Amino acid sequence: MSRVYKLNPDGTTTRMKRKHSLNEERDLQCILEQNLDLIPGDQIDPLYGVDRRWPVDQFRLDER
């Protein structure tokens, strides 16, 4: 498992404790609402999806 560290004001690092989420989608939404700078707006193409066609990276067929 990878570990996450935070950078302290004095330049040292502190390992963050793992926290399990009961509702990951809700928790992530709350974090994004409170930290809009985490959403890379400069990487979003405003015209992407305008014609309602979406790129398909991979097809998966049901083999029933």
N, C-alpha and C. Protein backbone atom coordinates (compact mmCIF):
# COMPACT_ATOMS: atom_id res chain seq x y z
N MET A 1 0.83 -1.18 0.00
CA MET A 1 0.00 0.00 0.00
C MET A 1 0.88 1.25 0.00
N SER A 2 0.44 2.22 -0.74
CA SER A 2 1.19 3.48 -0.75
C SER A 2 0.83 4.30 0.49
N ARG A 3 1.67 5.22 0.78
CA ARG A 3 1.46 6.08 1.95
C ARG A 3 1.37 7.53 1.49
N VAL A 4 0.66 8.33 2.28
CA VAL A 4 0.49 9.74 1.96
C VAL A 4 1.12 10.55 3.09
N TYR A 5 1.85 11.57 2.70
CA TYR A 5 2.51 12.44 3.67
C TYR A 5 2.08 13.87 3.44
N LYS A 6 2.05 14.66 4.51
CA LYS A 6 1.79 16.09 4.36
C LYS A 6 3.08 16.84 4.67
N LEU A 7 3.24 17.96 4.00
CA LEU A 7 4.43 18.79 4.19
C LEU A 7 4.15 19.81 5.27
N ASN A 8 4.99 19.83 6.29
CA ASN A 8 4.85 20.76 7.40
C ASN A 8 5.51 22.09 7.06
N PRO A 9 5.11 23.17 7.74
CA PRO A 9 5.69 24.49 7.46
C PRO A 9 7.21 24.54 7.61
N ASP A 10 7.77 23.68 8.48
CA ASP A 10 9.22 23.69 8.68
C ASP A 10 9.97 22.82 7.66
N GLY A 11 9.23 22.25 6.70
CA GLY A 11 9.87 21.46 5.65
C GLY A 11 9.91 19.97 5.92
N THR A 12 9.56 19.55 7.12
CA THR A 12 9.52 18.12 7.42
C THR A 12 8.18 17.54 6.92
N THR A 13 8.11 16.22 6.91
CA THR A 13 6.88 15.57 6.50
C THR A 13 6.30 14.74 7.64
N THR A 14 5.00 14.57 7.60
CA THR A 14 4.30 13.76 8.58
C THR A 14 3.42 12.76 7.84
N ARG A 15 3.54 11.49 8.20
CA ARG A 15 2.71 10.47 7.57
C ARG A 15 1.27 10.63 8.06
N MET A 16 0.34 10.65 7.11
CA MET A 16 -1.07 10.80 7.47
C MET A 16 -1.66 9.45 7.83
N LYS A 17 -2.60 9.46 8.76
CA LYS A 17 -3.27 8.24 9.18
C LYS A 17 -4.33 7.86 8.14
N ARG A 18 -4.50 6.57 7.94
CA ARG A 18 -5.52 6.06 7.02
C ARG A 18 -6.89 6.21 7.67
N LYS A 19 -7.85 6.67 6.89
CA LYS A 19 -9.22 6.82 7.38
C LYS A 19 -10.16 6.16 6.38
N HIS A 20 -10.93 5.21 6.85
CA HIS A 20 -11.87 4.52 5.97
C HIS A 20 -13.16 5.32 5.87
N SER A 21 -13.73 5.32 4.70
CA SER A 21 -14.94 6.07 4.44
C SER A 21 -16.14 5.13 4.37
N LEU A 22 -17.24 5.54 4.99
CA LEU A 22 -18.46 4.75 4.90
C LEU A 22 -19.19 5.02 3.59
N ASN A 23 -19.05 6.24 3.08
CA ASN A 23 -19.69 6.62 1.82
C ASN A 23 -18.68 7.46 1.03
N GLU A 24 -17.84 6.79 0.27
CA GLU A 24 -16.74 7.45 -0.42
C GLU A 24 -17.22 8.53 -1.40
N GLU A 25 -18.30 8.26 -2.12
CA GLU A 25 -18.80 9.23 -3.10
C GLU A 25 -19.25 10.52 -2.41
N ARG A 26 -20.00 10.39 -1.31
CA ARG A 26 -20.46 11.57 -0.58
C ARG A 26 -19.28 12.34 0.01
N ASP A 27 -18.33 11.62 0.61
CA ASP A 27 -17.18 12.27 1.22
C ASP A 27 -16.34 13.01 0.19
N LEU A 28 -16.12 12.38 -0.97
CA LEU A 28 -15.36 13.03 -2.03
C LEU A 28 -16.09 14.28 -2.53
N GLN A 29 -17.41 14.20 -2.67
CA GLN A 29 -18.19 15.36 -3.11
C GLN A 29 -18.04 16.51 -2.12
N CYS A 30 -18.09 16.22 -0.83
CA CYS A 30 -17.93 17.27 0.19
C CYS A 30 -16.54 17.91 0.11
N ILE A 31 -15.52 17.09 -0.08
CA ILE A 31 -14.15 17.62 -0.19
C ILE A 31 -14.04 18.53 -1.40
N LEU A 32 -14.61 18.11 -2.53
CA LEU A 32 -14.52 18.92 -3.75
C LEU A 32 -15.31 20.22 -3.60
N GLU A 33 -16.46 20.18 -2.95
CA GLU A 33 -17.26 21.39 -2.74
C GLU A 33 -16.51 22.41 -1.90
N GLN A 34 -15.73 21.95 -0.93
CA GLN A 34 -14.99 22.83 -0.05
C GLN A 34 -13.62 23.23 -0.60
N ASN A 35 -13.16 22.55 -1.65
CA ASN A 35 -11.83 22.80 -2.22
C ASN A 35 -11.90 22.79 -3.73
N LEU A 36 -12.53 23.81 -4.30
CA LEU A 36 -12.74 23.85 -5.74
C LEU A 36 -11.44 23.85 -6.54
N ASP A 37 -10.35 24.24 -5.92
CA ASP A 37 -9.07 24.25 -6.62
C ASP A 37 -8.57 22.84 -6.94
N LEU A 38 -9.20 21.80 -6.36
CA LEU A 38 -8.83 20.42 -6.69
C LEU A 38 -9.38 19.99 -8.04
N ILE A 39 -10.37 20.72 -8.56
CA ILE A 39 -10.95 20.40 -9.87
C ILE A 39 -10.13 21.13 -10.92
N PRO A 40 -9.48 20.41 -11.83
CA PRO A 40 -8.60 21.04 -12.81
C PRO A 40 -9.39 21.70 -13.95
N GLY A 41 -9.96 22.86 -13.70
CA GLY A 41 -10.78 23.54 -14.69
C GLY A 41 -10.05 23.85 -15.98
N ASP A 42 -8.76 24.11 -15.91
CA ASP A 42 -7.99 24.42 -17.11
C ASP A 42 -7.78 23.20 -17.99
N GLN A 43 -8.07 22.01 -17.48
CA GLN A 43 -7.92 20.80 -18.27
C GLN A 43 -9.25 20.32 -18.86
N ILE A 44 -10.34 21.02 -18.55
CA ILE A 44 -11.65 20.62 -19.04
C ILE A 44 -11.95 21.34 -20.34
N ASP A 45 -12.28 20.59 -21.36
CA ASP A 45 -12.64 21.16 -22.66
C ASP A 45 -14.13 21.49 -22.64
N PRO A 46 -14.51 22.78 -22.70
CA PRO A 46 -15.93 23.14 -22.62
C PRO A 46 -16.75 22.61 -23.79
N LEU A 47 -16.12 22.27 -24.90
CA LEU A 47 -16.85 21.76 -26.05
C LEU A 47 -16.96 20.24 -26.05
N TYR A 48 -16.29 19.60 -25.12
CA TYR A 48 -16.29 18.14 -25.05
C TYR A 48 -17.71 17.64 -24.74
N GLY A 49 -18.23 16.78 -25.58
CA GLY A 49 -19.54 16.21 -25.34
C GLY A 49 -20.70 17.05 -25.84
N VAL A 50 -20.42 18.19 -26.49
CA VAL A 50 -21.49 19.06 -26.96
C VAL A 50 -22.38 18.34 -27.96
N ASP A 51 -21.80 17.55 -28.82
CA ASP A 51 -22.60 16.84 -29.82
C ASP A 51 -23.13 15.50 -29.30
N ARG A 52 -23.03 15.28 -27.98
CA ARG A 52 -23.55 14.09 -27.32
C ARG A 52 -22.87 12.79 -27.74
N ARG A 53 -21.71 12.87 -28.35
CA ARG A 53 -20.93 11.67 -28.65
C ARG A 53 -19.77 11.61 -27.68
N TRP A 54 -19.51 10.44 -27.19
CA TRP A 54 -18.45 10.26 -26.20
C TRP A 54 -17.44 9.27 -26.75
N PRO A 55 -16.16 9.50 -26.51
CA PRO A 55 -15.15 8.55 -26.99
C PRO A 55 -15.24 7.23 -26.20
N VAL A 56 -14.99 6.17 -26.87
CA VAL A 56 -15.02 4.86 -26.23
C VAL A 56 -13.61 4.30 -26.24
N ASP A 57 -13.07 4.08 -25.07
CA ASP A 57 -11.72 3.55 -24.96
C ASP A 57 -11.70 2.03 -25.04
N GLN A 58 -12.81 1.42 -24.68
CA GLN A 58 -12.80 -0.02 -24.56
C GLN A 58 -14.23 -0.56 -24.68
N PHE A 59 -14.38 -1.65 -25.40
CA PHE A 59 -15.68 -2.33 -25.49
C PHE A 59 -15.61 -3.60 -24.64
N ARG A 60 -16.66 -3.88 -23.94
CA ARG A 60 -16.76 -5.13 -23.19
C ARG A 60 -18.08 -5.78 -23.59
N LEU A 61 -17.99 -7.02 -24.01
CA LEU A 61 -19.17 -7.74 -24.44
C LEU A 61 -19.60 -8.73 -23.38
N ASP A 62 -20.89 -8.83 -23.21
CA ASP A 62 -21.43 -9.79 -22.28
C ASP A 62 -21.39 -11.16 -22.93
N GLU A 63 -20.74 -12.11 -22.30
CA GLU A 63 -20.56 -13.43 -22.88
C GLU A 63 -21.56 -14.44 -22.37
N ARG A 64 -22.76 -14.01 -22.10
CA ARG A 64 -23.80 -14.94 -21.62
C ARG A 64 -24.31 -15.81 -22.71
